[in-house]
């Protein structure tokens, strides 16, 4: 997830993808401090009108529209809000959609 392109095919139906937990995201961000952030993109490669919806793992807050339609990509920014052990928190912001 950190700093990459995630290509997804819903494989025949709408789907929800759950983010990793905030603890997992913080653990995967070497040297991250509160306020650190990274961008990632999810591309919906569906061959029909199938939607992907991003949902929040534990400790994750989502801001903005989290649905990605067929043949669209959506950019996200993930910000570390709390990195304390057992109290990790992140916010994922939707940055916009690109139509292919």
PDB file of N, CA and C in Angstrom:
ATOM      1  N   UNK A   1       0.816  -1.193   0.000  1.00  0.00           N
ATOM      2  CA  UNK A   1       0.000   0.000   0.000  1.00  0.00           C
ATOM      3  C   UNK A   1       0.865   1.264   0.000  1.00  0.00           C
ATOM      4  N   UNK A   2       1.962   1.226   0.702  1.00  0.00           N
ATOM      5  CA  UNK A   2       2.762   2.443   0.870  1.00  0.00           C
ATOM      6  C   UNK A   2       3.423   2.830  -0.447  1.00  0.00           C
ATOM      7  N   UNK A   3       2.989   3.996  -0.955  1.00  0.00           N
ATOM      8  CA  UNK A   3       3.603   4.579  -2.131  1.00  0.00           C
ATOM      9  C   UNK A   3       3.510   3.774  -3.401  1.00  0.00           C
ATOM     10  N   UNK A   4       2.365   3.194  -3.690  1.00  0.00           N
ATOM     11  CA  UNK A   4       2.297   2.367  -4.872  1.00  0.00           C
ATOM     12  C   UNK A   4       0.985   2.414  -5.611  1.00  0.00           C
ATOM     13  N   UNK A   5       0.950   1.636  -6.676  1.00  0.00           N
ATOM     14  CA  UNK A   5      -0.244   1.450  -7.489  1.00  0.00           C
ATOM     15  C   UNK A   5      -0.818   0.080  -7.160  1.00  0.00           C
ATOM     16  N   UNK A   6      -2.093   0.060  -6.804  1.00  0.00           N
ATOM     17  CA  UNK A   6      -2.794  -1.183  -6.509  1.00  0.00           C
ATOM     18  C   UNK A   6      -3.801  -1.399  -7.625  1.00  0.00           C
ATOM     19  N   UNK A   7      -3.607  -2.453  -8.415  1.00  0.00           N
ATOM     20  CA  UNK A   7      -4.536  -2.777  -9.500  1.00  0.00           C
ATOM     21  C   UNK A   7      -5.499  -3.836  -8.995  1.00  0.00           C
ATOM     22  N   UNK A   8      -6.812  -3.566  -9.160  1.00  0.00           N
ATOM     23  CA  UNK A   8      -7.832  -4.475  -8.644  1.00  0.00           C
ATOM     24  C   UNK A   8      -8.841  -4.783  -9.732  1.00  0.00           C
ATOM     25  N   UNK A   9      -9.288  -6.028  -9.765  1.00  0.00           N
ATOM     26  CA  UNK A   9     -10.396  -6.451 -10.613  1.00  0.00           C
ATOM     27  C   UNK A   9     -11.439  -7.055  -9.684  1.00  0.00           C
ATOM     28  N   UNK A  10     -12.621  -6.440  -9.584  1.00  0.00           N
ATOM     29  CA  UNK A  10     -13.641  -6.961  -8.667  1.00  0.00           C
ATOM     30  C   UNK A  10     -14.126  -8.368  -9.004  1.00  0.00           C
ATOM     31  N   UNK A  11     -13.784  -8.889 -10.175  1.00  0.00           N
ATOM     32  CA  UNK A  11     -14.060 -10.281 -10.550  1.00  0.00           C
ATOM     33  C   UNK A  11     -15.534 -10.648 -10.491  1.00  0.00           C
ATOM     34  N   UNK A  12     -16.373  -9.814 -11.117  1.00  0.00           N
ATOM     35  CA  UNK A  12     -17.764 -10.201 -11.300  1.00  0.00           C
ATOM     36  C   UNK A  12     -18.789  -9.545 -10.412  1.00  0.00           C
ATOM     37  N   UNK A  13     -18.368  -8.760  -9.426  1.00  0.00           N
ATOM     38  CA  UNK A  13     -19.346  -8.131  -8.532  1.00  0.00           C
ATOM     39  C   UNK A  13     -18.697  -6.934  -7.850  1.00  0.00           C
ATOM     40  N   UNK A  14     -19.537  -6.027  -7.325  1.00  0.00           N
ATOM     41  CA  UNK A  14     -19.017  -4.935  -6.515  1.00  0.00           C
ATOM     42  C   UNK A  14     -18.281  -5.535  -5.330  1.00  0.00           C
ATOM     43  N   UNK A  15     -17.274  -4.826  -4.829  1.00  0.00           N
ATOM     44  CA  UNK A  15     -16.537  -5.358  -3.687  1.00  0.00           C
ATOM     45  C   UNK A  15     -16.106  -4.239  -2.755  1.00  0.00           C
ATOM     46  N   UNK A  16     -15.885  -4.598  -1.511  1.00  0.00           N
ATOM     47  CA  UNK A  16     -15.308  -3.694  -0.520  1.00  0.00           C
ATOM     48  C   UNK A  16     -13.923  -4.203  -0.167  1.00  0.00           C
ATOM     49  N   UNK A  17     -12.963  -3.305  -0.154  1.00  0.00           N
ATOM     50  CA  UNK A  17     -11.600  -3.627   0.259  1.00  0.00           C
ATOM     51  C   UNK A  17     -11.329  -2.911   1.573  1.00  0.00           C
ATOM     52  N   UNK A  18     -10.936  -3.655   2.585  1.00  0.00           N
ATOM     53  CA  UNK A  18     -10.639  -3.090   3.901  1.00  0.00           C
ATOM     54  C   UNK A  18      -9.164  -2.706   3.942  1.00  0.00           C
ATOM     55  N   UNK A  19      -8.877  -1.502   4.421  1.00  0.00           N
ATOM     56  CA  UNK A  19      -7.485  -1.080   4.557  1.00  0.00           C
ATOM     57  C   UNK A  19      -6.798  -1.912   5.639  1.00  0.00           C
ATOM     58  N   UNK A  20      -5.483  -1.957   5.619  1.00  0.00           N
ATOM     59  CA  UNK A  20      -4.794  -2.510   6.781  1.00  0.00           C
ATOM     60  C   UNK A  20      -5.160  -1.680   8.019  1.00  0.00           C
ATOM     61  N   UNK A  21      -4.915  -2.206   9.195  1.00  0.00           N
ATOM     62  CA  UNK A  21      -5.166  -1.437  10.417  1.00  0.00           C
ATOM     63  C   UNK A  21      -4.155  -0.301  10.511  1.00  0.00           C
ATOM     64  N   UNK A  22      -4.473   0.691  11.347  1.00  0.00           N
ATOM     65  CA  UNK A  22      -3.525   1.785  11.562  1.00  0.00           C
ATOM     66  C   UNK A  22      -2.204   1.252  12.103  1.00  0.00           C
ATOM     67  N   UNK A  23      -2.266   0.271  13.005  1.00  0.00           N
ATOM     68  CA  UNK A  23      -1.036  -0.311  13.560  1.00  0.00           C
ATOM     69  C   UNK A  23      -0.185  -0.930  12.453  1.00  0.00           C
ATOM     70  N   UNK A  24      -0.814  -1.612  11.508  1.00  0.00           N
ATOM     71  CA  UNK A  24      -0.071  -2.222  10.400  1.00  0.00           C
ATOM     72  C   UNK A  24       0.535  -1.160   9.485  1.00  0.00           C
ATOM     73  N   UNK A  25      -0.222  -0.099   9.227  1.00  0.00           N
ATOM     74  CA  UNK A  25       0.288   0.977   8.368  1.00  0.00           C
ATOM     75  C   UNK A  25       1.475   1.663   9.029  1.00  0.00           C
ATOM     76  N   UNK A  26       1.342   2.003  10.320  1.00  0.00           N
ATOM     77  CA  UNK A  26       2.440   2.656  11.044  1.00  0.00           C
ATOM     78  C   UNK A  26       3.673   1.752  11.056  1.00  0.00           C
ATOM     79  N   UNK A  27       3.485   0.465  11.312  1.00  0.00           N
ATOM     80  CA  UNK A  27       4.614  -0.475  11.357  1.00  0.00           C
ATOM     81  C   UNK A  27       5.318  -0.576  10.007  1.00  0.00           C
ATOM     82  N   UNK A  28       4.576  -0.399   8.921  1.00  0.00           N
ATOM     83  CA  UNK A  28       5.151  -0.494   7.587  1.00  0.00           C
ATOM     84  C   UNK A  28       5.802   0.780   7.089  1.00  0.00           C
ATOM     85  N   UNK A  29       5.688   1.859   7.862  1.00  0.00           N
ATOM     86  CA  UNK A  29       6.219   3.162   7.470  1.00  0.00           C
ATOM     87  C   UNK A  29       7.488   3.421   8.280  1.00  0.00           C
ATOM     88  N   UNK A  30       8.616   2.910   7.797  1.00  0.00           N
ATOM     89  CA  UNK A  30       9.887   3.043   8.517  1.00  0.00           C
ATOM     90  C   UNK A  30      10.230   4.514   8.744  1.00  0.00           C
ATOM     91  N   UNK A  31      10.488   4.868   9.995  1.00  0.00           N
ATOM     92  CA  UNK A  31      10.882   6.230  10.326  1.00  0.00           C
ATOM     93  C   UNK A  31       9.745   7.228  10.332  1.00  0.00           C
ATOM     94  N   UNK A  32       8.505   6.747  10.212  1.00  0.00           N
ATOM     95  CA  UNK A  32       7.359   7.649  10.182  1.00  0.00           C
ATOM     96  C   UNK A  32       7.162   8.365  11.510  1.00  0.00           C
ATOM     97  N   UNK A  33       6.803   9.638  11.440  1.00  0.00           N
ATOM     98  CA  UNK A  33       6.458  10.428  12.618  1.00  0.00           C
ATOM     99  C   UNK A  33       5.062  10.997  12.401  1.00  0.00           C
ATOM    100  N   UNK A  34       4.462  11.509  13.462  1.00  0.00           N
ATOM    101  CA  UNK A  34       3.140  12.116  13.320  1.00  0.00           C
ATOM    102  C   UNK A  34       3.216  13.211  12.259  1.00  0.00           C
ATOM    103  N   UNK A  35       2.283  13.172  11.330  1.00  0.00           N
ATOM    104  CA  UNK A  35       2.259  14.127  10.229  1.00  0.00           C
ATOM    105  C   UNK A  35       2.882  13.593   8.948  1.00  0.00           C
ATOM    106  N   UNK A  36       3.640  12.505   9.044  1.00  0.00           N
ATOM    107  CA  UNK A  36       4.194  11.886   7.834  1.00  0.00           C
ATOM    108  C   UNK A  36       3.046  11.383   6.965  1.00  0.00           C
ATOM    109  N   UNK A  37       3.265  11.354   5.669  1.00  0.00           N
ATOM    110  CA  UNK A  37       2.205  10.894   4.772  1.00  0.00           C
ATOM    111  C   UNK A  37       2.809  10.236   3.540  1.00  0.00           C
ATOM    112  N   UNK A  38       1.968   9.508   2.842  1.00  0.00           N
ATOM    113  CA  UNK A  38       2.345   8.913   1.568  1.00  0.00           C
ATOM    114  C   UNK A  38       1.100   8.828   0.708  1.00  0.00           C
ATOM    115  N   UNK A  39       1.317   8.790  -0.606  1.00  0.00           N
ATOM    116  CA  UNK A  39       0.211   8.650  -1.551  1.00  0.00           C
ATOM    117  C   UNK A  39       0.206   7.247  -2.138  1.00  0.00           C
ATOM    118  N   UNK A  40      -0.985   6.803  -2.498  1.00  0.00           N
ATOM    119  CA  UNK A  40      -1.133   5.553  -3.233  1.00  0.00           C
ATOM    120  C   UNK A  40      -2.338   5.686  -4.149  1.00  0.00           C
ATOM    121  N   UNK A  41      -2.404   4.831  -5.151  1.00  0.00           N
ATOM    122  CA  UNK A  41      -3.479   4.856  -6.133  1.00  0.00           C
ATOM    123  C   UNK A  41      -4.080   3.466  -6.246  1.00  0.00           C
ATOM    124  N   UNK A  42      -5.409   3.417  -6.341  1.00  0.00           N
ATOM    125  CA  UNK A  42      -6.102   2.161  -6.613  1.00  0.00           C
ATOM    126  C   UNK A  42      -6.759   2.290  -7.980  1.00  0.00           C
ATOM    127  N   UNK A  43      -6.484   1.326  -8.848  1.00  0.00           N
ATOM    128  CA  UNK A  43      -7.066   1.308 -10.196  1.00  0.00           C
ATOM    129  C   UNK A  43      -8.059   0.158 -10.287  1.00  0.00           C
ATOM    130  N   UNK A  44      -9.278   0.468 -10.735  1.00  0.00           N
ATOM    131  CA  UNK A  44     -10.319  -0.538 -10.925  1.00  0.00           C
ATOM    132  C   UNK A  44     -10.263  -1.023 -12.371  1.00  0.00           C
ATOM    133  N   UNK A  45      -9.772  -2.240 -12.561  1.00  0.00           N
ATOM    134  CA  UNK A  45      -9.633  -2.831 -13.899  1.00  0.00           C
ATOM    135  C   UNK A  45     -10.799  -3.743 -14.264  1.00  0.00           C
ATOM    136  N   UNK A  46     -11.974  -3.500 -13.703  1.00  0.00           N
ATOM    137  CA  UNK A  46     -13.143  -4.347 -13.958  1.00  0.00           C
ATOM    138  C   UNK A  46     -13.483  -4.376 -15.443  1.00  0.00           C
ATOM    139  N   UNK A  47     -14.024  -5.522 -15.890  1.00  0.00           N
ATOM    140  CA  UNK A  47     -14.460  -5.632 -17.280  1.00  0.00           C
ATOM    141  C   UNK A  47     -15.960  -5.398 -17.419  1.00  0.00           C
ATOM    142  N   UNK A  48     -16.607  -4.976 -16.324  1.00  0.00           N
ATOM    143  CA  UNK A  48     -18.036  -4.640 -16.318  1.00  0.00           C
ATOM    144  C   UNK A  48     -18.244  -3.534 -15.285  1.00  0.00           C
ATOM    145  N   UNK A  49     -19.494  -3.082 -15.135  1.00  0.00           N
ATOM    146  CA  UNK A  49     -19.810  -1.980 -14.216  1.00  0.00           C
ATOM    147  C   UNK A  49     -19.756  -2.461 -12.763  1.00  0.00           C
ATOM    148  N   UNK A  50     -18.544  -2.667 -12.264  1.00  0.00           N
ATOM    149  CA  UNK A  50     -18.319  -3.156 -10.902  1.00  0.00           C
ATOM    150  C   UNK A  50     -17.514  -2.109 -10.135  1.00  0.00           C
ATOM    151  N   UNK A  51     -17.955  -1.824  -8.924  1.00  0.00           N
ATOM    152  CA  UNK A  51     -17.368  -0.768  -8.110  1.00  0.00           C
ATOM    153  C   UNK A  51     -16.556  -1.353  -6.963  1.00  0.00           C
ATOM    154  N   UNK A  52     -15.451  -0.689  -6.648  1.00  0.00           N
ATOM    155  CA  UNK A  52     -14.654  -1.011  -5.467  1.00  0.00           C
ATOM    156  C   UNK A  52     -14.900   0.089  -4.445  1.00  0.00           C
ATOM    157  N   UNK A  53     -15.151  -0.296  -3.206  1.00  0.00           N
ATOM    158  CA  UNK A  53     -15.321   0.664  -2.120  1.00  0.00           C
ATOM    159  C   UNK A  53     -14.260   0.396  -1.068  1.00  0.00           C
ATOM    160  N   UNK A  54     -13.490   1.425  -0.740  1.00  0.00           N
ATOM    161  CA  UNK A  54     -12.476   1.312   0.304  1.00  0.00           C
ATOM    162  C   UNK A  54     -13.146   1.506   1.656  1.00  0.00           C
ATOM    163  N   UNK A  55     -12.923   0.575   2.595  1.00  0.00           N
ATOM    164  CA  UNK A  55     -13.473   0.674   3.946  1.00  0.00           C
ATOM    165  C   UNK A  55     -12.322   0.675   4.946  1.00  0.00           C
ATOM    166  N   UNK A  56     -12.608   1.156   6.153  1.00  0.00           N
ATOM    167  CA  UNK A  56     -11.559   1.419   7.137  1.00  0.00           C
ATOM    168  C   UNK A  56     -11.260   0.231   8.033  1.00  0.00           C
ATOM    169  N   UNK A  57      -9.974  -0.099   8.154  1.00  0.00           N
ATOM    170  CA  UNK A  57      -9.516  -1.033   9.168  1.00  0.00           C
ATOM    171  C   UNK A  57      -9.477  -0.323  10.517  1.00  0.00           C
ATOM    172  N   UNK A  58      -9.196  -1.056  11.569  1.00  0.00           N
ATOM    173  CA  UNK A  58      -9.164  -0.492  12.926  1.00  0.00           C
ATOM    174  C   UNK A  58      -8.158   0.654  13.010  1.00  0.00           C
ATOM    175  N   UNK A  59      -8.603   1.783  13.582  1.00  0.00           N
ATOM    176  CA  UNK A  59      -7.734   2.934  13.769  1.00  0.00           C
ATOM    177  C   UNK A  59      -7.571   3.810  12.547  1.00  0.00           C
ATOM    178  N   UNK A  60      -8.311   3.506  11.483  1.00  0.00           N
ATOM    179  CA  UNK A  60      -8.221   4.258  10.228  1.00  0.00           C
ATOM    180  C   UNK A  60      -9.479   5.097  10.054  1.00  0.00           C
ATOM    181  N   UNK A  61      -9.296   6.380   9.747  1.00  0.00           N
ATOM    182  CA  UNK A  61     -10.397   7.279   9.416  1.00  0.00           C
ATOM    183  C   UNK A  61     -10.324   7.573   7.925  1.00  0.00           C
ATOM    184  N   UNK A  62     -11.472   7.532   7.255  1.00  0.00           N
ATOM    185  CA  UNK A  62     -11.541   7.816   5.821  1.00  0.00           C
ATOM    186  C   UNK A  62     -12.198   9.172   5.608  1.00  0.00           C
ATOM    187  N   UNK A  63     -11.654   9.962   4.682  1.00  0.00           N
ATOM    188  CA  UNK A  63     -12.188  11.286   4.398  1.00  0.00           C
ATOM    189  C   UNK A  63     -12.377  11.441   2.891  1.00  0.00           C
ATOM    190  N   UNK A  64     -13.619  11.704   2.488  1.00  0.00           N
ATOM    191  CA  UNK A  64     -13.915  11.871   1.069  1.00  0.00           C
ATOM    192  C   UNK A  64     -14.591  10.646   0.495  1.00  0.00           C
ATOM    193  N   UNK A  65     -14.775  10.655  -0.807  1.00  0.00           N
ATOM    194  CA  UNK A  65     -15.442   9.563  -1.507  1.00  0.00           C
ATOM    195  C   UNK A  65     -14.487   8.388  -1.660  1.00  0.00           C
ATOM    196  N   UNK A  66     -14.951   7.217  -1.269  1.00  0.00           N
ATOM    197  CA  UNK A  66     -14.094   6.029  -1.247  1.00  0.00           C
ATOM    198  C   UNK A  66     -14.503   4.990  -2.282  1.00  0.00           C
ATOM    199  N   UNK A  67     -15.361   5.358  -3.236  1.00  0.00           N
ATOM    200  CA  UNK A  67     -15.766   4.416  -4.275  1.00  0.00           C
ATOM    201  C   UNK A  67     -14.957   4.662  -5.545  1.00  0.00           C
ATOM    202  N   UNK A  68     -14.663   3.557  -6.241  1.00  0.00           N
ATOM    203  CA  UNK A  68     -13.883   3.619  -7.472  1.00  0.00           C
ATOM    204  C   UNK A  68     -14.649   2.831  -8.532  1.00  0.00           C
ATOM    205  N   UNK A  69     -15.133   3.532  -9.537  1.00  0.00           N
ATOM    206  CA  UNK A  69     -15.925   2.905 -10.596  1.00  0.00           C
ATOM    207  C   UNK A  69     -15.021   2.180 -11.592  1.00  0.00           C
ATOM    208  N   UNK A  70     -15.663   1.361 -12.434  1.00  0.00           N
ATOM    209  CA  UNK A  70     -14.956   0.645 -13.502  1.00  0.00           C
ATOM    210  C   UNK A  70     -14.130   1.620 -14.334  1.00  0.00           C
ATOM    211  N   UNK A  71     -12.925   1.209 -14.704  1.00  0.00           N
ATOM    212  CA  UNK A  71     -12.027   1.995 -15.554  1.00  0.00           C
ATOM    213  C   UNK A  71     -11.672   3.354 -14.966  1.00  0.00           C
ATOM    214  N   UNK A  72     -11.642   3.440 -13.640  1.00  0.00           N
ATOM    215  CA  UNK A  72     -11.226   4.646 -12.934  1.00  0.00           C
ATOM    216  C   UNK A  72     -10.082   4.294 -11.997  1.00  0.00           C
ATOM    217  N   UNK A  73      -9.272   5.303 -11.707  1.00  0.00           N
ATOM    218  CA  UNK A  73      -8.268   5.219 -10.653  1.00  0.00           C
ATOM    219  C   UNK A  73      -8.564   6.324  -9.659  1.00  0.00           C
ATOM    220  N   UNK A  74      -8.272   6.078  -8.399  1.00  0.00           N
ATOM    221  CA  UNK A  74      -8.442   7.104  -7.377  1.00  0.00           C
ATOM    222  C   UNK A  74      -7.144   7.217  -6.595  1.00  0.00           C
ATOM    223  N   UNK A  75      -6.708   8.473  -6.390  1.00  0.00           N
ATOM    224  CA  UNK A  75      -5.510   8.756  -5.597  1.00  0.00           C
ATOM    225  C   UNK A  75      -5.914   9.010  -4.156  1.00  0.00           C
ATOM    226  N   UNK A  76      -5.069   8.552  -3.251  1.00  0.00           N
ATOM    227  CA  UNK A  76      -5.305   8.727  -1.821  1.00  0.00           C
ATOM    228  C   UNK A  76      -4.032   9.228  -1.153  1.00  0.00           C
ATOM    229  N   UNK A  77      -4.208   9.957  -0.047  1.00  0.00           N
ATOM    230  CA  UNK A  77      -3.104  10.362   0.807  1.00  0.00           C
ATOM    231  C   UNK A  77      -3.369   9.785   2.186  1.00  0.00           C
ATOM    232  N   UNK A  78      -2.401   9.076   2.723  1.00  0.00           N
ATOM    233  CA  UNK A  78      -2.509   8.502   4.064  1.00  0.00           C
ATOM    234  C   UNK A  78      -1.590   9.291   4.990  1.00  0.00           C
ATOM    235  N   UNK A  79      -2.159   9.857   6.055  1.00  0.00           N
ATOM    236  CA  UNK A  79      -1.401  10.671   7.019  1.00  0.00           C
ATOM    237  C   UNK A  79      -1.366   9.953   8.360  1.00  0.00           C
ATOM    238  N   UNK A  80      -0.177   9.879   8.969  1.00  0.00           N
ATOM    239  CA  UNK A  80      -0.045   9.288  10.298  1.00  0.00           C
ATOM    240  C   UNK A  80      -0.486  10.315  11.340  1.00  0.00           C
ATOM    241  N   UNK A  81      -1.530   9.984  12.109  1.00  0.00           N
ATOM    242  CA  UNK A  81      -2.064  10.895  13.126  1.00  0.00           C
ATOM    243  C   UNK A  81      -1.544  10.574  14.521  1.00  0.00           C
ATOM    244  N   UNK A  82      -1.254   9.303  14.789  1.00  0.00           N
ATOM    245  CA  UNK A  82      -0.739   8.867  16.083  1.00  0.00           C
ATOM    246  C   UNK A  82       0.090   7.613  15.836  1.00  0.00           C
ATOM    247  N   UNK A  83       1.306   7.590  16.369  1.00  0.00           N
ATOM    248  CA  UNK A  83       2.181   6.434  16.145  1.00  0.00           C
ATOM    249  C   UNK A  83       2.478   5.679  17.436  1.00  0.00           C
ATOM    250  N   UNK A  84       1.846   6.077  18.537  1.00  0.00           N
ATOM    251  CA  UNK A  84       2.078   5.414  19.820  1.00  0.00           C
ATOM    252  C   UNK A  84       1.597   3.973  19.803  1.00  0.00           C
ATOM    253  N   UNK A  85       2.380   3.088  20.387  1.00  0.00           N
ATOM    254  CA  UNK A  85       2.028   1.670  20.419  1.00  0.00           C
ATOM    255  C   UNK A  85       0.682   1.461  21.104  1.00  0.00           C
ATOM    256  N   UNK A  86      -0.230   0.828  20.399  1.00  0.00           N
ATOM    257  CA  UNK A  86      -1.567   0.570  20.921  1.00  0.00           C
ATOM    258  C   UNK A  86      -2.556   1.691  20.683  1.00  0.00           C
ATOM    259  N   UNK A  87      -2.073   2.841  20.215  1.00  0.00           N
ATOM    260  CA  UNK A  87      -2.965   3.982  19.954  1.00  0.00           C
ATOM    261  C   UNK A  87      -2.783   4.521  18.535  1.00  0.00           C
ATOM    262  N   UNK A  88      -2.226   3.706  17.658  1.00  0.00           N
ATOM    263  CA  UNK A  88      -1.961   4.149  16.292  1.00  0.00           C
ATOM    264  C   UNK A  88      -3.250   4.627  15.618  1.00  0.00           C
ATOM    265  N   UNK A  89      -3.106   5.704  14.836  1.00  0.00           N
ATOM    266  CA  UNK A  89      -4.242   6.242  14.090  1.00  0.00           C
ATOM    267  C   UNK A  89      -3.727   6.878  12.805  1.00  0.00           C
ATOM    268  N   UNK A  90      -4.475   6.685  11.729  1.00  0.00           N
ATOM    269  CA  UNK A  90      -4.156   7.307  10.449  1.00  0.00           C
ATOM    270  C   UNK A  90      -5.450   7.814   9.813  1.00  0.00           C
ATOM    271  N   UNK A  91      -5.303   8.801   8.935  1.00  0.00           N
ATOM    272  CA  UNK A  91      -6.431   9.263   8.123  1.00  0.00           C
ATOM    273  C   UNK A  91      -6.053   9.100   6.662  1.00  0.00           C
ATOM    274  N   UNK A  92      -6.980   8.536   5.894  1.00  0.00           N
ATOM    275  CA  UNK A  92      -6.793   8.387   4.454  1.00  0.00           C
ATOM    276  C   UNK A  92      -7.750   9.352   3.759  1.00  0.00           C
ATOM    277  N   UNK A  93      -7.179  10.260   2.970  1.00  0.00           N
ATOM    278  CA  UNK A  93      -7.938  11.282   2.255  1.00  0.00           C
ATOM    279  C   UNK A  93      -8.040  10.910   0.779  1.00  0.00           C
ATOM    280  N   UNK A  94      -9.233  11.032   0.211  1.00  0.00           N
ATOM    281  CA  UNK A  94      -9.422  10.856  -1.223  1.00  0.00           C
ATOM    282  C   UNK A  94      -8.942  12.125  -1.921  1.00  0.00           C
ATOM    283  N   UNK A  95      -8.080  11.977  -2.936  1.00  0.00           N
ATOM    284  CA  UNK A  95      -7.518  13.130  -3.637  1.00  0.00           C
ATOM    285  C   UNK A  95      -8.092  13.337  -5.029  1.00  0.00           C
ATOM    286  N   UNK A  96      -8.929  12.441  -5.482  1.00  0.00           N
ATOM    287  CA  UNK A  96      -9.522  12.632  -6.795  1.00  0.00           C
ATOM    288  C   UNK A  96      -9.473  11.391  -7.658  1.00  0.00           C
ATOM    289  N   UNK A  97     -10.234  11.459  -8.741  1.00  0.00           N
ATOM    290  CA  UNK A  97     -10.434  10.319  -9.628  1.00  0.00           C
ATOM    291  C   UNK A  97      -9.899  10.631 -11.015  1.00  0.00           C
ATOM    292  N   UNK A  98      -9.330   9.620 -11.650  1.00  0.00           N
ATOM    293  CA  UNK A  98      -8.901   9.695 -13.043  1.00  0.00           C
ATOM    294  C   UNK A  98      -9.699   8.656 -13.813  1.00  0.00           C
ATOM    295  N   UNK A  99     -10.312   9.070 -14.930  1.00  0.00           N
ATOM    296  CA  UNK A  99     -11.073   8.156 -15.777  1.00  0.00           C
ATOM    297  C   UNK A  99     -10.156   7.679 -16.894  1.00  0.00           C
ATOM    298  N   UNK A 100     -10.178   6.372 -17.171  1.00  0.00           N
ATOM    299  CA  UNK A 100      -9.312   5.794 -18.216  1.00  0.00           C
ATOM    300  C   UNK A 100     -10.082   5.617 -19.502  1.00  0.00           C
TER     301      UNK A 100
END
